[in-house]
Amino acid sequence: MKVSARNQLKGIIKKINKGDVNVEVIIELGPGVEITSVITASSAEKLELDIGKQVYAVVKASHVMVGVDHD
């Protein structure tokens, strides 16, 4: 797989919540570290997603902001 996005996070599908139009895919990146993606049901079907399958969470954004808590 080659894509131009720099942020490619490899993980394993932990859970899939199917809706009528969209699918919520929870990907475990490491122990206790998860990221959630919402994609179309047709995309999930085309990708043949299933629990335990190795996937990539690909993050493409023009801006990534950093925040801190105030004391």
PDB file of N, CA and C in Angstrom:
ATOM      1  N   MET A   1       0.844  -1.174   0.000  1.00  0.00           N
ATOM      2  CA  MET A   1       0.000   0.000   0.000  1.00  0.00           C
ATOM      3  C   MET A   1       0.888   1.234   0.000  1.00  0.00           C
ATOM      4  N   LYS A   2       0.659   2.132  -0.920  1.00  0.00           N
ATOM      5  CA  LYS A   2       1.368   3.402  -0.954  1.00  0.00           C
ATOM      6  C   LYS A   2       0.337   4.514  -1.017  1.00  0.00           C
ATOM      7  N   VAL A   3       0.446   5.459  -0.090  1.00  0.00           N
ATOM      8  CA  VAL A   3      -0.415   6.641  -0.088  1.00  0.00           C
ATOM      9  C   VAL A   3       0.437   7.848   0.279  1.00  0.00           C
ATOM     10  N   SER A   4      -0.061   9.021  -0.046  1.00  0.00           N
ATOM     11  CA  SER A   4       0.715  10.225   0.219  1.00  0.00           C
ATOM     12  C   SER A   4       0.604  10.709   1.667  1.00  0.00           C
ATOM     13  N   ALA A   5      -0.381  10.239   2.398  1.00  0.00           N
ATOM     14  CA  ALA A   5      -0.551  10.672   3.789  1.00  0.00           C
ATOM     15  C   ALA A   5       0.621  10.187   4.637  1.00  0.00           C
ATOM     16  N   ARG A   6       1.131  11.052   5.473  1.00  0.00           N
ATOM     17  CA  ARG A   6       2.280  10.704   6.309  1.00  0.00           C
ATOM     18  C   ARG A   6       1.892   9.913   7.542  1.00  0.00           C
ATOM     19  N   ASN A   7       0.679  10.112   8.017  1.00  0.00           N
ATOM     20  CA  ASN A   7       0.255   9.470   9.261  1.00  0.00           C
ATOM     21  C   ASN A   7      -0.483   8.173   8.958  1.00  0.00           C
ATOM     22  N   GLN A   8       0.261   7.080   8.962  1.00  0.00           N
ATOM     23  CA  GLN A   8      -0.286   5.754   8.714  1.00  0.00           C
ATOM     24  C   GLN A   8      -0.066   4.926   9.972  1.00  0.00           C
ATOM     25  N   LEU A   9      -1.160   4.595  10.652  1.00  0.00           N
ATOM     26  CA  LEU A   9      -1.077   3.906  11.929  1.00  0.00           C
ATOM     27  C   LEU A   9      -1.551   2.465  11.754  1.00  0.00           C
ATOM     28  N   LYS A  10      -0.634   1.524  11.935  1.00  0.00           N
ATOM     29  CA  LYS A  10      -0.933   0.107  11.743  1.00  0.00           C
ATOM     30  C   LYS A  10      -1.595  -0.461  12.995  1.00  0.00           C
ATOM     31  N   GLY A  11      -2.658  -1.237  12.786  1.00  0.00           N
ATOM     32  CA  GLY A  11      -3.333  -1.820  13.931  1.00  0.00           C
ATOM     33  C   GLY A  11      -4.199  -2.997  13.534  1.00  0.00           C
ATOM     34  N   ILE A  12      -4.969  -3.468  14.507  1.00  0.00           N
ATOM     35  CA  ILE A  12      -5.850  -4.623  14.338  1.00  0.00           C
ATOM     36  C   ILE A  12      -7.276  -4.182  14.648  1.00  0.00           C
ATOM     37  N   ILE A  13      -8.223  -4.600  13.823  1.00  0.00           N
ATOM     38  CA  ILE A  13      -9.623  -4.258  14.077  1.00  0.00           C
ATOM     39  C   ILE A  13     -10.082  -4.967  15.351  1.00  0.00           C
ATOM     40  N   LYS A  14     -10.560  -4.166  16.305  1.00  0.00           N
ATOM     41  CA  LYS A  14     -11.017  -4.691  17.586  1.00  0.00           C
ATOM     42  C   LYS A  14     -12.540  -4.855  17.604  1.00  0.00           C
ATOM     43  N   LYS A  15     -13.249  -3.926  16.961  1.00  0.00           N
ATOM     44  CA  LYS A  15     -14.708  -3.957  16.992  1.00  0.00           C
ATOM     45  C   LYS A  15     -15.255  -3.262  15.757  1.00  0.00           C
ATOM     46  N   ILE A  16     -16.401  -3.731  15.275  1.00  0.00           N
ATOM     47  CA  ILE A  16     -17.082  -3.128  14.142  1.00  0.00           C
ATOM     48  C   ILE A  16     -18.544  -2.915  14.539  1.00  0.00           C
ATOM     49  N   ASN A  17     -18.999  -1.677  14.458  1.00  0.00           N
ATOM     50  CA  ASN A  17     -20.396  -1.349  14.733  1.00  0.00           C
ATOM     51  C   ASN A  17     -21.049  -0.958  13.416  1.00  0.00           C
ATOM     52  N   LYS A  18     -21.932  -1.826  12.924  1.00  0.00           N
ATOM     53  CA  LYS A  18     -22.552  -1.611  11.623  1.00  0.00           C
ATOM     54  C   LYS A  18     -23.857  -0.829  11.758  1.00  0.00           C
ATOM     55  N   GLY A  19     -23.997   0.179  10.918  1.00  0.00           N
ATOM     56  CA  GLY A  19     -25.235   0.930  10.802  1.00  0.00           C
ATOM     57  C   GLY A  19     -25.806   0.722   9.415  1.00  0.00           C
ATOM     58  N   ASP A  20     -26.906   1.386   9.137  1.00  0.00           N
ATOM     59  CA  ASP A  20     -27.530   1.243   7.820  1.00  0.00           C
ATOM     60  C   ASP A  20     -26.684   1.849   6.708  1.00  0.00           C
ATOM     61  N   VAL A  21     -26.028   2.977   7.017  1.00  0.00           N
ATOM     62  CA  VAL A  21     -25.257   3.702   6.006  1.00  0.00           C
ATOM     63  C   VAL A  21     -23.770   3.684   6.314  1.00  0.00           C
ATOM     64  N   ASN A  22     -23.417   3.858   7.585  1.00  0.00           N
ATOM     65  CA  ASN A  22     -22.018   3.945   8.008  1.00  0.00           C
ATOM     66  C   ASN A  22     -21.614   2.781   8.898  1.00  0.00           C
ATOM     67  N   VAL A  23     -20.322   2.582   8.984  1.00  0.00           N
ATOM     68  CA  VAL A  23     -19.744   1.568   9.856  1.00  0.00           C
ATOM     69  C   VAL A  23     -18.681   2.242  10.720  1.00  0.00           C
ATOM     70  N   GLU A  24     -18.731   1.986  12.019  1.00  0.00           N
ATOM     71  CA  GLU A  24     -17.716   2.485  12.953  1.00  0.00           C
ATOM     72  C   GLU A  24     -16.702   1.360  13.156  1.00  0.00           C
ATOM     73  N   VAL A  25     -15.442   1.653  12.853  1.00  0.00           N
ATOM     74  CA  VAL A  25     -14.379   0.655  12.950  1.00  0.00           C
ATOM     75  C   VAL A  25     -13.420   1.083  14.062  1.00  0.00           C
ATOM     76  N   ILE A  26     -13.291   0.247  15.083  1.00  0.00           N
ATOM     77  CA  ILE A  26     -12.376   0.543  16.187  1.00  0.00           C
ATOM     78  C   ILE A  26     -11.112  -0.269  15.970  1.00  0.00           C
ATOM     79  N   ILE A  27      -9.992   0.448  15.856  1.00  0.00           N
ATOM     80  CA  ILE A  27      -8.699  -0.164  15.556  1.00  0.00           C
ATOM     81  C   ILE A  27      -7.800  -0.038  16.780  1.00  0.00           C
ATOM     82  N   GLU A  28      -7.245  -1.169  17.221  1.00  0.00           N
ATOM     83  CA  GLU A  28      -6.300  -1.159  18.340  1.00  0.00           C
ATOM     84  C   GLU A  28      -4.894  -0.982  17.767  1.00  0.00           C
ATOM     85  N   LEU A  29      -4.264   0.135  18.129  1.00  0.00           N
ATOM     86  CA  LEU A  29      -2.918   0.442  17.645  1.00  0.00           C
ATOM     87  C   LEU A  29      -1.847  -0.204  18.511  1.00  0.00           C
ATOM     88  N   GLY A  30      -2.176  -0.426  19.762  1.00  0.00           N
ATOM     89  CA  GLY A  30      -1.283  -1.036  20.733  1.00  0.00           C
ATOM     90  C   GLY A  30      -2.097  -1.291  21.986  1.00  0.00           C
ATOM     91  N   PRO A  31      -1.513  -1.926  22.987  1.00  0.00           N
ATOM     92  CA  PRO A  31      -2.261  -2.217  24.208  1.00  0.00           C
ATOM     93  C   PRO A  31      -2.861  -0.934  24.812  1.00  0.00           C
ATOM     94  N   GLY A  32      -4.187  -0.880  24.875  1.00  0.00           N
ATOM     95  CA  GLY A  32      -4.873   0.264  25.464  1.00  0.00           C
ATOM     96  C   GLY A  32      -4.941   1.505  24.593  1.00  0.00           C
ATOM     97  N   VAL A  33      -4.481   1.414  23.340  1.00  0.00           N
ATOM     98  CA  VAL A  33      -4.486   2.574  22.436  1.00  0.00           C
ATOM     99  C   VAL A  33      -5.372   2.247  21.234  1.00  0.00           C
ATOM    100  N   GLU A  34      -6.458   3.018  21.095  1.00  0.00           N
ATOM    101  CA  GLU A  34      -7.409   2.764  20.018  1.00  0.00           C
ATOM    102  C   GLU A  34      -7.689   4.040  19.240  1.00  0.00           C
ATOM    103  N   ILE A  35      -8.092   3.857  17.998  1.00  0.00           N
ATOM    104  CA  ILE A  35      -8.556   4.955  17.159  1.00  0.00           C
ATOM    105  C   ILE A  35      -9.827   4.452  16.466  1.00  0.00           C
ATOM    106  N   THR A  36     -10.776   5.355  16.273  1.00  0.00           N
ATOM    107  CA  THR A  36     -12.050   4.991  15.657  1.00  0.00           C
ATOM    108  C   THR A  36     -12.211   5.708  14.329  1.00  0.00           C
ATOM    109  N   SER A  37     -12.680   4.981  13.343  1.00  0.00           N
ATOM    110  CA  SER A  37     -12.952   5.543  12.027  1.00  0.00           C
ATOM    111  C   SER A  37     -14.397   5.256  11.670  1.00  0.00           C
ATOM    112  N   VAL A  38     -15.050   6.225  11.042  1.00  0.00           N
ATOM    113  CA  VAL A  38     -16.402   6.024  10.519  1.00  0.00           C
ATOM    114  C   VAL A  38     -16.311   6.079   8.999  1.00  0.00           C
ATOM    115  N   ILE A  39     -16.692   4.979   8.359  1.00  0.00           N
ATOM    116  CA  ILE A  39     -16.634   4.886   6.904  1.00  0.00           C
ATOM    117  C   ILE A  39     -17.993   4.403   6.392  1.00  0.00           C
ATOM    118  N   THR A  40     -18.179   4.481   5.089  1.00  0.00           N
ATOM    119  CA  THR A  40     -19.443   4.013   4.523  1.00  0.00           C
ATOM    120  C   THR A  40     -19.507   2.484   4.612  1.00  0.00           C
ATOM    121  N   ALA A  41     -20.729   1.986   4.680  1.00  0.00           N
ATOM    122  CA  ALA A  41     -20.935   0.544   4.729  1.00  0.00           C
ATOM    123  C   ALA A  41     -20.400  -0.120   3.455  1.00  0.00           C
ATOM    124  N   SER A  42     -20.555   0.547   2.310  1.00  0.00           N
ATOM    125  CA  SER A  42     -20.048  -0.031   1.063  1.00  0.00           C
ATOM    126  C   SER A  42     -18.521  -0.115   1.060  1.00  0.00           C
ATOM    127  N   SER A  43     -17.847   0.872   1.651  1.00  0.00           N
ATOM    128  CA  SER A  43     -16.377   0.817   1.741  1.00  0.00           C
ATOM    129  C   SER A  43     -15.935  -0.320   2.648  1.00  0.00           C
ATOM    130  N   ALA A  44     -16.623  -0.490   3.757  1.00  0.00           N
ATOM    131  CA  ALA A  44     -16.287  -1.577   4.684  1.00  0.00           C
ATOM    132  C   ALA A  44     -16.447  -2.932   3.996  1.00  0.00           C
ATOM    133  N   GLU A  45     -17.480  -3.056   3.196  1.00  0.00           N
ATOM    134  CA  GLU A  45     -17.719  -4.305   2.472  1.00  0.00           C
ATOM    135  C   GLU A  45     -16.626  -4.547   1.433  1.00  0.00           C
ATOM    136  N   LYS A  46     -16.269  -3.503   0.681  1.00  0.00           N
ATOM    137  CA  LYS A  46     -15.222  -3.632  -0.342  1.00  0.00           C
ATOM    138  C   LYS A  46     -13.871  -4.001   0.262  1.00  0.00           C
ATOM    139  N   LEU A  47     -13.591  -3.469   1.464  1.00  0.00           N
ATOM    140  CA  LEU A  47     -12.325  -3.754   2.138  1.00  0.00           C
ATOM    141  C   LEU A  47     -12.334  -5.092   2.870  1.00  0.00           C
ATOM    142  N   GLU A  48     -13.504  -5.743   2.905  1.00  0.00           N
ATOM    143  CA  GLU A  48     -13.660  -7.036   3.574  1.00  0.00           C
ATOM    144  C   GLU A  48     -13.182  -6.975   5.020  1.00  0.00           C
ATOM    145  N   LEU A  49     -13.638  -5.941   5.733  1.00  0.00           N
ATOM    146  CA  LEU A  49     -13.215  -5.747   7.112  1.00  0.00           C
ATOM    147  C   LEU A  49     -13.827  -6.791   8.030  1.00  0.00           C
ATOM    148  N   ASP A  50     -13.024  -7.241   9.003  1.00  0.00           N
ATOM    149  CA  ASP A  50     -13.482  -8.204   9.984  1.00  0.00           C
ATOM    150  C   ASP A  50     -12.632  -8.043  11.240  1.00  0.00           C
ATOM    151  N   ILE A  51     -13.184  -8.409  12.366  1.00  0.00           N
ATOM    152  CA  ILE A  51     -12.452  -8.323  13.627  1.00  0.00           C
ATOM    153  C   ILE A  51     -11.198  -9.185  13.526  1.00  0.00           C
ATOM    154  N   GLY A  52     -10.078  -8.630  13.997  1.00  0.00           N
ATOM    155  CA  GLY A  52      -8.800  -9.331  13.965  1.00  0.00           C
ATOM    156  C   GLY A  52      -7.971  -9.061  12.729  1.00  0.00           C
ATOM    157  N   LYS A  53      -8.560  -8.404  11.732  1.00  0.00           N
ATOM    158  CA  LYS A  53      -7.826  -8.117  10.493  1.00  0.00           C
ATOM    159  C   LYS A  53      -6.859  -6.960  10.710  1.00  0.00           C
ATOM    160  N   GLN A  54      -5.657  -7.086  10.171  1.00  0.00           N
ATOM    161  CA  GLN A  54      -4.672  -6.006  10.238  1.00  0.00           C
ATOM    162  C   GLN A  54      -5.031  -4.940   9.220  1.00  0.00           C
ATOM    163  N   VAL A  55      -5.050  -3.686   9.661  1.00  0.00           N
ATOM    164  CA  VAL A  55      -5.414  -2.560   8.801  1.00  0.00           C
ATOM    165  C   VAL A  55      -4.523  -1.363   9.119  1.00  0.00           C
ATOM    166  N   TYR A  56      -4.682  -0.318   8.353  1.00  0.00           N
ATOM    167  CA  TYR A  56      -4.009   0.949   8.597  1.00  0.00           C
ATOM    168  C   TYR A  56      -5.050   2.042   8.789  1.00  0.00           C
ATOM    169  N   ALA A  57      -4.876   2.841   9.819  1.00  0.00           N
ATOM    170  CA  ALA A  57      -5.657   4.066   9.978  1.00  0.00           C
ATOM    171  C   ALA A  57      -4.818   5.147   9.308  1.00  0.00           C
ATOM    172  N   VAL A  58      -5.328   5.712   8.237  1.00  0.00           N
ATOM    173  CA  VAL A  58      -4.589   6.717   7.480  1.00  0.00           C
ATOM    174  C   VAL A  58      -5.220   8.072   7.769  1.00  0.00           C
ATOM    175  N   VAL A  59      -4.419   8.980   8.355  1.00  0.00           N
ATOM    176  CA  VAL A  59      -4.914  10.291   8.763  1.00  0.00           C
ATOM    177  C   VAL A  59      -4.361  11.328   7.804  1.00  0.00           C
ATOM    178  N   LYS A  60      -5.258  12.009   7.118  1.00  0.00           N
ATOM    179  CA  LYS A  60      -4.852  13.066   6.190  1.00  0.00           C
ATOM    180  C   LYS A  60      -5.550  14.340   6.617  1.00  0.00           C
ATOM    181  N   ALA A  61      -4.769  15.303   7.048  1.00  0.00           N
ATOM    182  CA  ALA A  61      -5.334  16.579   7.483  1.00  0.00           C
ATOM    183  C   ALA A  61      -4.362  17.692   7.114  1.00  0.00           C
ATOM    184  N   SER A  62      -4.923  18.830   6.781  1.00  0.00           N
ATOM    185  CA  SER A  62      -4.054  19.956   6.439  1.00  0.00           C
ATOM    186  C   SER A  62      -3.487  20.631   7.685  1.00  0.00           C
ATOM    187  N   HIS A  63      -4.141  20.408   8.828  1.00  0.00           N
ATOM    188  CA  HIS A  63      -3.664  20.999  10.085  1.00  0.00           C
ATOM    189  C   HIS A  63      -3.813  20.000  11.223  1.00  0.00           C
ATOM    190  N   VAL A  64      -2.814  19.920  12.059  1.00  0.00           N
ATOM    191  CA  VAL A  64      -2.897  19.148  13.294  1.00  0.00           C
ATOM    192  C   VAL A  64      -2.570  20.123  14.416  1.00  0.00           C
ATOM    193  N   MET A  65      -3.521  20.325  15.302  1.00  0.00           N
ATOM    194  CA  MET A  65      -3.356  21.296  16.385  1.00  0.00           C
ATOM    195  C   MET A  65      -2.862  20.609  17.653  1.00  0.00           C
ATOM    196  N   VAL A  66      -2.186  21.359  18.496  1.00  0.00           N
ATOM    197  CA  VAL A  66      -1.700  20.876  19.779  1.00  0.00           C
ATOM    198  C   VAL A  66      -2.345  21.702  20.864  1.00  0.00           C
ATOM    199  N   GLY A  67      -2.828  21.063  21.913  1.00  0.00           N
ATOM    200  CA  GLY A  67      -3.438  21.789  23.033  1.00  0.00           C
ATOM    201  C   GLY A  67      -2.868  21.315  24.340  1.00  0.00           C
ATOM    202  N   VAL A  68      -2.924  22.182  25.344  1.00  0.00           N
ATOM    203  CA  VAL A  68      -2.476  21.846  26.698  1.00  0.00           C
ATOM    204  C   VAL A  68      -3.522  22.336  27.690  1.00  0.00           C
ATOM    205  N   ASP A  69      -3.555  21.729  28.860  1.00  0.00           N
ATOM    206  CA  ASP A  69      -4.431  22.180  29.926  1.00  0.00           C
ATOM    207  C   ASP A  69      -3.831  23.384  30.618  1.00  0.00           C
ATOM    208  N   HIS A  70      -4.705  24.284  31.095  1.00  0.00           N
ATOM    209  CA  HIS A  70      -4.245  25.412  31.885  1.00  0.00           C
ATOM    210  C   HIS A  70      -4.089  24.978  33.323  1.00  0.00           C
ATOM    211  N   ASP A  71      -3.135  25.549  34.030  1.00  0.00           N
ATOM    212  CA  ASP A  71      -2.940  25.233  35.460  1.00  0.00           C
ATOM    213  C   ASP A  71      -3.998  25.866  36.310  1.00  0.00           C
TER     214      ASP A  71
END
